[in-house]
Amino acid sequence: MNIINFQAMMEETRALVKENLTNKDKCPRYMTEKQLKLILAELDKMEMAKNSHLFYPYYPKGISDSWDYSDPLGIKLLELLELYCKL
């Protein structure tokens, strides 16, 4: 069941990242285009590995270092990571 939830949340999260890349005028200043592209690449690797021991993304460090803690995309990315670690 976790894998189904993971896939659904992965698609939602990927769509939010792409939305921030597309709508740069609405994207917060603390999110850079380069960072968002790296997050997309890490999401792809997470989806392929489905194992946090094989691949652990870097994006949580970037979020904790420079993002607003109440940012919806940041929250979603961290929730996805939590689910990923349970696979």
PDB file of N, CA and C in Angstrom:
ATOM      1  N   MET A   1       0.819  -1.204   0.000  1.00  0.00           N
ATOM      2  CA  MET A   1       0.000   0.000   0.000  1.00  0.00           C
ATOM      3  C   MET A   1       0.862   1.266   0.000  1.00  0.00           C
ATOM      4  N   ASN A   2       1.985   1.210   0.724  1.00  0.00           N
ATOM      5  CA  ASN A   2       2.869   2.373   0.757  1.00  0.00           C
ATOM      6  C   ASN A   2       3.352   2.771  -0.630  1.00  0.00           C
ATOM      7  N   ILE A   3       3.604   1.777  -1.487  1.00  0.00           N
ATOM      8  CA  ILE A   3       4.119   2.072  -2.828  1.00  0.00           C
ATOM      9  C   ILE A   3       3.083   2.834  -3.652  1.00  0.00           C
ATOM     10  N   ILE A   4       1.808   2.508  -3.469  1.00  0.00           N
ATOM     11  CA  ILE A   4       0.738   3.205  -4.180  1.00  0.00           C
ATOM     12  C   ILE A   4       0.646   4.643  -3.681  1.00  0.00           C
ATOM     13  N   ASN A   5       0.692   4.820  -2.367  1.00  0.00           N
ATOM     14  CA  ASN A   5       0.670   6.169  -1.793  1.00  0.00           C
ATOM     15  C   ASN A   5       1.890   6.962  -2.240  1.00  0.00           C
ATOM     16  N   PHE A   6       3.049   6.297  -2.282  1.00  0.00           N
ATOM     17  CA  PHE A   6       4.280   6.943  -2.706  1.00  0.00           C
ATOM     18  C   PHE A   6       4.162   7.435  -4.139  1.00  0.00           C
ATOM     19  N   GLN A   7       3.668   6.592  -5.024  1.00  0.00           N
ATOM     20  CA  GLN A   7       3.535   6.974  -6.442  1.00  0.00           C
ATOM     21  C   GLN A   7       2.591   8.160  -6.608  1.00  0.00           C
ATOM     22  N   ALA A   8       1.471   8.140  -5.900  1.00  0.00           N
ATOM     23  CA  ALA A   8       0.504   9.235  -5.986  1.00  0.00           C
ATOM     24  C   ALA A   8       1.113  10.532  -5.462  1.00  0.00           C
ATOM     25  N   MET A   9       1.791  10.457  -4.316  1.00  0.00           N
ATOM     26  CA  MET A   9       2.398  11.654  -3.752  1.00  0.00           C
ATOM     27  C   MET A   9       3.556  12.138  -4.624  1.00  0.00           C
ATOM     28  N   MET A  10       4.270  11.216  -5.234  1.00  0.00           N
ATOM     29  CA  MET A  10       5.379  11.576  -6.132  1.00  0.00           C
ATOM     30  C   MET A  10       4.851  12.414  -7.299  1.00  0.00           C
ATOM     31  N   GLU A  11       3.750  11.991  -7.885  1.00  0.00           N
ATOM     32  CA  GLU A  11       3.175  12.732  -9.014  1.00  0.00           C
ATOM     33  C   GLU A  11       2.704  14.123  -8.587  1.00  0.00           C
ATOM     34  N   GLU A  12       2.056  14.206  -7.445  1.00  0.00           N
ATOM     35  CA  GLU A  12       1.600  15.507  -6.925  1.00  0.00           C
ATOM     36  C   GLU A  12       2.787  16.433  -6.684  1.00  0.00           C
ATOM     37  N   THR A  13       3.815  15.897  -6.057  1.00  0.00           N
ATOM     38  CA  THR A  13       4.989  16.690  -5.712  1.00  0.00           C
ATOM     39  C   THR A  13       5.732  17.146  -6.959  1.00  0.00           C
ATOM     40  N   ARG A  14       5.904  16.230  -7.898  1.00  0.00           N
ATOM     41  CA  ARG A  14       6.575  16.576  -9.156  1.00  0.00           C
ATOM     42  C   ARG A  14       5.811  17.694  -9.880  1.00  0.00           C
ATOM     43  N   ALA A  15       4.493  17.620  -9.867  1.00  0.00           N
ATOM     44  CA  ALA A  15       3.676  18.658 -10.511  1.00  0.00           C
ATOM     45  C   ALA A  15       3.870  20.014  -9.826  1.00  0.00           C
ATOM     46  N   LEU A  16       3.976  20.021  -8.496  1.00  0.00           N
ATOM     47  CA  LEU A  16       4.200  21.274  -7.770  1.00  0.00           C
ATOM     48  C   LEU A  16       5.563  21.875  -8.096  1.00  0.00           C
ATOM     49  N   VAL A  17       6.583  21.038  -8.192  1.00  0.00           N
ATOM     50  CA  VAL A  17       7.920  21.519  -8.541  1.00  0.00           C
ATOM     51  C   VAL A  17       7.896  22.123  -9.943  1.00  0.00           C
ATOM     52  N   LYS A  18       7.281  21.419 -10.879  1.00  0.00           N
ATOM     53  CA  LYS A  18       7.198  21.913 -12.263  1.00  0.00           C
ATOM     54  C   LYS A  18       6.409  23.210 -12.339  1.00  0.00           C
ATOM     55  N   GLU A  19       5.377  23.322 -11.530  1.00  0.00           N
ATOM     56  CA  GLU A  19       4.580  24.553 -11.486  1.00  0.00           C
ATOM     57  C   GLU A  19       5.442  25.732 -11.037  1.00  0.00           C
ATOM     58  N   ASN A  20       6.278  25.516 -10.043  1.00  0.00           N
ATOM     59  CA  ASN A  20       7.177  26.574  -9.578  1.00  0.00           C
ATOM     60  C   ASN A  20       8.222  26.921 -10.632  1.00  0.00           C
ATOM     61  N   LEU A  21       8.641  25.950 -11.408  1.00  0.00           N
ATOM     62  CA  LEU A  21       9.592  26.217 -12.494  1.00  0.00           C
ATOM     63  C   LEU A  21       8.935  27.016 -13.620  1.00  0.00           C
ATOM     64  N   THR A  22       7.690  26.711 -13.902  1.00  0.00           N
ATOM     65  CA  THR A  22       6.963  27.368 -14.987  1.00  0.00           C
ATOM     66  C   THR A  22       6.523  28.782 -14.621  1.00  0.00           C
ATOM     67  N   ASN A  23       6.032  28.955 -13.400  1.00  0.00           N
ATOM     68  CA  ASN A  23       5.517  30.252 -12.940  1.00  0.00           C
ATOM     69  C   ASN A  23       6.558  30.944 -12.066  1.00  0.00           C
ATOM     70  N   LYS A  24       7.649  31.366 -12.692  1.00  0.00           N
ATOM     71  CA  LYS A  24       8.758  31.948 -11.943  1.00  0.00           C
ATOM     72  C   LYS A  24       8.367  33.210 -11.179  1.00  0.00           C
ATOM     73  N   ASP A  25       7.376  33.950 -11.685  1.00  0.00           N
ATOM     74  CA  ASP A  25       6.962  35.181 -11.003  1.00  0.00           C
ATOM     75  C   ASP A  25       6.243  34.890  -9.682  1.00  0.00           C
ATOM     76  N   LYS A  26       5.679  33.693  -9.542  1.00  0.00           N
ATOM     77  CA  LYS A  26       4.989  33.318  -8.307  1.00  0.00           C
ATOM     78  C   LYS A  26       5.882  32.484  -7.379  1.00  0.00           C
ATOM     79  N   CYS A  27       7.042  32.095  -7.872  1.00  0.00           N
ATOM     80  CA  CYS A  27       7.962  31.263  -7.115  1.00  0.00           C
ATOM     81  C   CYS A  27       8.694  32.130  -6.075  1.00  0.00           C
ATOM     82  N   PRO A  28       8.758  31.669  -4.823  1.00  0.00           N
ATOM     83  CA  PRO A  28       9.468  32.436  -3.792  1.00  0.00           C
ATOM     84  C   PRO A  28      10.942  32.648  -4.154  1.00  0.00           C
ATOM     85  N   ARG A  29      11.512  33.739  -3.690  1.00  0.00           N
ATOM     86  CA  ARG A  29      12.901  34.078  -4.011  1.00  0.00           C
ATOM     87  C   ARG A  29      13.896  33.032  -3.520  1.00  0.00           C
ATOM     88  N   TYR A  30      13.569  32.343  -2.444  1.00  0.00           N
ATOM     89  CA  TYR A  30      14.519  31.379  -1.891  1.00  0.00           C
ATOM     90  C   TYR A  30      14.609  30.092  -2.705  1.00  0.00           C
ATOM     91  N   MET A  31      13.729  29.922  -3.695  1.00  0.00           N
ATOM     92  CA  MET A  31      13.793  28.762  -4.585  1.00  0.00           C
ATOM     93  C   MET A  31      14.439  29.198  -5.892  1.00  0.00           C
ATOM     94  N   THR A  32      15.547  28.560  -6.240  1.00  0.00           N
ATOM     95  CA  THR A  32      16.184  28.895  -7.512  1.00  0.00           C
ATOM     96  C   THR A  32      15.790  27.867  -8.570  1.00  0.00           C
ATOM     97  N   GLU A  33      15.886  28.276  -9.820  1.00  0.00           N
ATOM     98  CA  GLU A  33      15.568  27.370 -10.919  1.00  0.00           C
ATOM     99  C   GLU A  33      16.487  26.149 -10.877  1.00  0.00           C
ATOM    100  N   LYS A  34      17.766  26.386 -10.617  1.00  0.00           N
ATOM    101  CA  LYS A  34      18.730  25.288 -10.548  1.00  0.00           C
ATOM    102  C   LYS A  34      18.352  24.297  -9.444  1.00  0.00           C
ATOM    103  N   GLN A  35      17.973  24.827  -8.293  1.00  0.00           N
ATOM    104  CA  GLN A  35      17.592  23.974  -7.165  1.00  0.00           C
ATOM    105  C   GLN A  35      16.356  23.143  -7.511  1.00  0.00           C
ATOM    106  N   LEU A  36      15.366  23.759  -8.135  1.00  0.00           N
ATOM    107  CA  LEU A  36      14.146  23.035  -8.495  1.00  0.00           C
ATOM    108  C   LEU A  36      14.434  21.940  -9.524  1.00  0.00           C
ATOM    109  N   LYS A  37      15.327  22.212 -10.461  1.00  0.00           N
ATOM    110  CA  LYS A  37      15.704  21.189 -11.447  1.00  0.00           C
ATOM    111  C   LYS A  37      16.445  20.029 -10.781  1.00  0.00           C
ATOM    112  N   LEU A  38      17.295  20.351  -9.809  1.00  0.00           N
ATOM    113  CA  LEU A  38      17.990  19.298  -9.072  1.00  0.00           C
ATOM    114  C   LEU A  38      17.006  18.455  -8.262  1.00  0.00           C
ATOM    115  N   ILE A  39      15.998  19.109  -7.697  1.00  0.00           N
ATOM    116  CA  ILE A  39      14.963  18.374  -6.955  1.00  0.00           C
ATOM    117  C   ILE A  39      14.228  17.419  -7.889  1.00  0.00           C
ATOM    118  N   LEU A  40      13.885  17.880  -9.085  1.00  0.00           N
ATOM    119  CA  LEU A  40      13.215  16.992 -10.049  1.00  0.00           C
ATOM    120  C   LEU A  40      14.088  15.780 -10.361  1.00  0.00           C
ATOM    121  N   ALA A  41      15.381  16.002 -10.545  1.00  0.00           N
ATOM    122  CA  ALA A  41      16.297  14.890 -10.830  1.00  0.00           C
ATOM    123  C   ALA A  41      16.338  13.927  -9.643  1.00  0.00           C
ATOM    124  N   GLU A  42      16.345  14.464  -8.432  1.00  0.00           N
ATOM    125  CA  GLU A  42      16.353  13.600  -7.246  1.00  0.00           C
ATOM    126  C   GLU A  42      15.041  12.832  -7.102  1.00  0.00           C
ATOM    127  N   LEU A  43      13.934  13.455  -7.455  1.00  0.00           N
ATOM    128  CA  LEU A  43      12.650  12.756  -7.421  1.00  0.00           C
ATOM    129  C   LEU A  43      12.672  11.568  -8.381  1.00  0.00           C
ATOM    130  N   ASP A  44      13.267  11.762  -9.555  1.00  0.00           N
ATOM    131  CA  ASP A  44      13.392  10.658 -10.516  1.00  0.00           C
ATOM    132  C   ASP A  44      14.213   9.516  -9.923  1.00  0.00           C
ATOM    133  N   LYS A  45      15.325   9.866  -9.262  1.00  0.00           N
ATOM    134  CA  LYS A  45      16.185   8.840  -8.663  1.00  0.00           C
ATOM    135  C   LYS A  45      15.466   8.119  -7.524  1.00  0.00           C
ATOM    136  N   MET A  46      14.698   8.872  -6.734  1.00  0.00           N
ATOM    137  CA  MET A  46      13.929   8.261  -5.659  1.00  0.00           C
ATOM    138  C   MET A  46      12.909   7.270  -6.218  1.00  0.00           C
ATOM    139  N   GLU A  47      12.259   7.677  -7.296  1.00  0.00           N
ATOM    140  CA  GLU A  47      11.235   6.823  -7.900  1.00  0.00           C
ATOM    141  C   GLU A  47      11.852   5.535  -8.446  1.00  0.00           C
ATOM    142  N   MET A  48      13.052   5.639  -8.990  1.00  0.00           N
ATOM    143  CA  MET A  48      13.723   4.453  -9.517  1.00  0.00           C
ATOM    144  C   MET A  48      14.233   3.548  -8.401  1.00  0.00           C
ATOM    145  N   ALA A  49      14.841   4.132  -7.373  1.00  0.00           N
ATOM    146  CA  ALA A  49      15.454   3.338  -6.302  1.00  0.00           C
ATOM    147  C   ALA A  49      14.414   2.745  -5.351  1.00  0.00           C
ATOM    148  N   LYS A  50      13.447   3.569  -4.973  1.00  0.00           N
ATOM    149  CA  LYS A  50      12.436   3.157  -3.987  1.00  0.00           C
ATOM    150  C   LYS A  50      13.071   2.530  -2.744  1.00  0.00           C
ATOM    151  N   ASN A  51      14.235   3.057  -2.362  1.00  0.00           N
ATOM    152  CA  ASN A  51      14.960   2.537  -1.211  1.00  0.00           C
ATOM    153  C   ASN A  51      15.909   3.622  -0.715  1.00  0.00           C
ATOM    154  N   SER A  52      15.659   4.137   0.476  1.00  0.00           N
ATOM    155  CA  SER A  52      16.474   5.233   0.997  1.00  0.00           C
ATOM    156  C   SER A  52      17.898   4.802   1.344  1.00  0.00           C
ATOM    157  N   HIS A  53      18.152   3.492   1.387  1.00  0.00           N
ATOM    158  CA  HIS A  53      19.520   3.012   1.621  1.00  0.00           C
ATOM    159  C   HIS A  53      20.331   3.026   0.324  1.00  0.00           C
ATOM    160  N   LEU A  54      19.639   2.927  -0.807  1.00  0.00           N
ATOM    161  CA  LEU A  54      20.321   2.979  -2.104  1.00  0.00           C
ATOM    162  C   LEU A  54      20.513   4.414  -2.581  1.00  0.00           C
ATOM    163  N   PHE A  55      19.521   5.258  -2.334  1.00  0.00           N
ATOM    164  CA  PHE A  55      19.616   6.668  -2.712  1.00  0.00           C
ATOM    165  C   PHE A  55      18.893   7.511  -1.682  1.00  0.00           C
ATOM    166  N   TYR A  56      19.605   8.493  -1.134  1.00  0.00           N
ATOM    167  CA  TYR A  56      19.000   9.441  -0.197  1.00  0.00           C
ATOM    168  C   TYR A  56      19.189  10.836  -0.773  1.00  0.00           C
ATOM    169  N   PRO A  57      18.094  11.557  -1.006  1.00  0.00           N
ATOM    170  CA  PRO A  57      18.190  12.863  -1.663  1.00  0.00           C
ATOM    171  C   PRO A  57      18.843  13.941  -0.795  1.00  0.00           C
ATOM    172  N   TYR A  58      19.388  14.925  -1.466  1.00  0.00           N
ATOM    173  CA  TYR A  58      20.023  16.060  -0.802  1.00  0.00           C
ATOM    174  C   TYR A  58      19.018  17.173  -0.496  1.00  0.00           C
ATOM    175  N   TYR A  59      17.896  17.214  -1.216  1.00  0.00           N
ATOM    176  CA  TYR A  59      16.991  18.359  -1.114  1.00  0.00           C
ATOM    177  C   TYR A  59      16.520  18.700   0.304  1.00  0.00           C
ATOM    178  N   PRO A  60      16.375  17.735   1.229  1.00  0.00           N
ATOM    179  CA  PRO A  60      15.943  18.135   2.579  1.00  0.00           C
ATOM    180  C   PRO A  60      16.920  19.120   3.239  1.00  0.00           C
ATOM    181  N   LYS A  61      18.206  18.963   2.975  1.00  0.00           N
ATOM    182  CA  LYS A  61      19.213  19.882   3.525  1.00  0.00           C
ATOM    183  C   LYS A  61      18.998  21.281   2.981  1.00  0.00           C
ATOM    184  N   GLY A  62      18.765  21.398   1.680  1.00  0.00           N
ATOM    185  CA  GLY A  62      18.513  22.707   1.072  1.00  0.00           C
ATOM    186  C   GLY A  62      17.260  23.360   1.625  1.00  0.00           C
ATOM    187  N   ILE A  63      16.230  22.566   1.851  1.00  0.00           N
ATOM    188  CA  ILE A  63      14.973  23.089   2.400  1.00  0.00           C
ATOM    189  C   ILE A  63      15.212  23.598   3.818  1.00  0.00           C
ATOM    190  N   SER A  64      15.880  22.801   4.633  1.00  0.00           N
ATOM    191  CA  SER A  64      16.082  23.217   6.026  1.00  0.00           C
ATOM    192  C   SER A  64      17.033  24.401   6.146  1.00  0.00           C
ATOM    193  N   ASP A  65      17.959  24.534   5.202  1.00  0.00           N
ATOM    194  CA  ASP A  65      18.922  25.636   5.258  1.00  0.00           C
ATOM    195  C   ASP A  65      18.359  26.975   4.796  1.00  0.00           C
ATOM    196  N   SER A  66      17.472  26.966   3.806  1.00  0.00           N
ATOM    197  CA  SER A  66      17.112  28.260   3.228  1.00  0.00           C
ATOM    198  C   SER A  66      15.635  28.490   2.914  1.00  0.00           C
ATOM    199  N   TRP A  67      14.794  27.494   3.042  1.00  0.00           N
ATOM    200  CA  TRP A  67      13.383  27.682   2.696  1.00  0.00           C
ATOM    201  C   TRP A  67      12.566  28.081   3.909  1.00  0.00           C
ATOM    202  N   ASP A  68      11.442  28.716   3.638  1.00  0.00           N
ATOM    203  CA  ASP A  68      10.464  29.041   4.673  1.00  0.00           C
ATOM    204  C   ASP A  68       9.836  27.723   5.136  1.00  0.00           C
ATOM    205  N   TYR A  69       9.813  27.488   6.436  1.00  0.00           N
ATOM    206  CA  TYR A  69       9.303  26.218   6.962  1.00  0.00           C
ATOM    207  C   TYR A  69       7.819  25.995   6.685  1.00  0.00           C
ATOM    208  N   SER A  70       7.084  27.045   6.378  1.00  0.00           N
ATOM    209  CA  SER A  70       5.650  26.887   6.103  1.00  0.00           C
ATOM    210  C   SER A  70       5.359  26.789   4.599  1.00  0.00           C
ATOM    211  N   ASP A  71       6.400  26.710   3.774  1.00  0.00           N
ATOM    212  CA  ASP A  71       6.204  26.628   2.327  1.00  0.00           C
ATOM    213  C   ASP A  71       5.510  25.318   1.958  1.00  0.00           C
ATOM    214  N   PRO A  72       4.398  25.384   1.200  1.00  0.00           N
ATOM    215  CA  PRO A  72       3.649  24.162   0.849  1.00  0.00           C
ATOM    216  C   PRO A  72       4.478  23.138   0.069  1.00  0.00           C
ATOM    217  N   LEU A  73       5.318  23.604  -0.844  1.00  0.00           N
ATOM    218  CA  LEU A  73       6.149  22.669  -1.607  1.00  0.00           C
ATOM    219  C   LEU A  73       7.175  22.007  -0.690  1.00  0.00           C
ATOM    220  N   GLY A  74       7.786  22.773   0.190  1.00  0.00           N
ATOM    221  CA  GLY A  74       8.748  22.211   1.130  1.00  0.00           C
ATOM    222  C   GLY A  74       8.109  21.165   2.026  1.00  0.00           C
ATOM    223  N   ILE A  75       6.923  21.469   2.503  1.00  0.00           N
ATOM    224  CA  ILE A  75       6.190  20.520   3.357  1.00  0.00           C
ATOM    225  C   ILE A  75       5.898  19.237   2.582  1.00  0.00           C
ATOM    226  N   LYS A  76       5.445  19.389   1.346  1.00  0.00           N
ATOM    227  CA  LYS A  76       5.112  18.233   0.505  1.00  0.00           C
ATOM    228  C   LYS A  76       6.355  17.386   0.222  1.00  0.00           C
ATOM    229  N   LEU A  77       7.477  18.056  -0.066  1.00  0.00           N
ATOM    230  CA  LEU A  77       8.725  17.337  -0.328  1.00  0.00           C
ATOM    231  C   LEU A  77       9.181  16.544   0.904  1.00  0.00           C
ATOM    232  N   LEU A  78       9.037  17.131   2.068  1.00  0.00           N
ATOM    233  CA  LEU A  78       9.440  16.433   3.295  1.00  0.00           C
ATOM    234  C   LEU A  78       8.488  15.285   3.629  1.00  0.00           C
ATOM    235  N   GLU A  79       7.196  15.460   3.339  1.00  0.00           N
ATOM    236  CA  GLU A  79       6.241  14.366   3.533  1.00  0.00           C
ATOM    237  C   GLU A  79       6.552  13.208   2.585  1.00  0.00           C
ATOM    238  N   LEU A  80       6.916  13.544   1.348  1.00  0.00           N
ATOM    239  CA  LEU A  80       7.280  12.515   0.374  1.00  0.00           C
ATOM    240  C   LEU A  80       8.520  11.761   0.852  1.00  0.00           C
ATOM    241  N   LEU A  81       9.491  12.486   1.380  1.00  0.00           N
ATOM    242  CA  LEU A  81      10.704  11.846   1.893  1.00  0.00           C
ATOM    243  C   LEU A  81      10.366  10.874   3.026  1.00  0.00           C
ATOM    244  N   GLU A  82       9.478  11.284   3.907  1.00  0.00           N
ATOM    245  CA  GLU A  82       9.070  10.423   5.023  1.00  0.00           C
ATOM    246  C   GLU A  82       8.462   9.121   4.505  1.00  0.00           C
ATOM    247  N   LEU A  83       7.602   9.227   3.509  1.00  0.00           N
ATOM    248  CA  LEU A  83       6.984   8.044   2.925  1.00  0.00           C
ATOM    249  C   LEU A  83       8.034   7.191   2.202  1.00  0.00           C
ATOM    250  N   TYR A  84       8.939   7.836   1.499  1.00  0.00           N
ATOM    251  CA  TYR A  84      10.014   7.164   0.783  1.00  0.00           C
ATOM    252  C   TYR A  84      10.868   6.329   1.743  1.00  0.00           C
ATOM    253  N   CYS A  85      11.164   6.874   2.892  1.00  0.00           N
ATOM    254  CA  CYS A  85      11.997   6.174   3.874  1.00  0.00           C
ATOM    255  C   CYS A  85      11.303   4.947   4.451  1.00  0.00           C
ATOM    256  N   LYS A  86       9.987   4.870   4.320  1.00  0.00           N
ATOM    257  CA  LYS A  86       9.216   3.726   4.837  1.00  0.00           C
ATOM    258  C   LYS A  86       9.071   2.606   3.800  1.00  0.00           C
ATOM    259  N   LEU A  87       9.506   2.859   2.571  1.00  0.00           N
ATOM    260  CA  LEU A  87       9.349   1.835   1.526  1.00  0.00           C
ATOM    261  C   LEU A  87      10.282   0.652   1.787  1.00  0.00           C
TER     262      LEU A  87
END
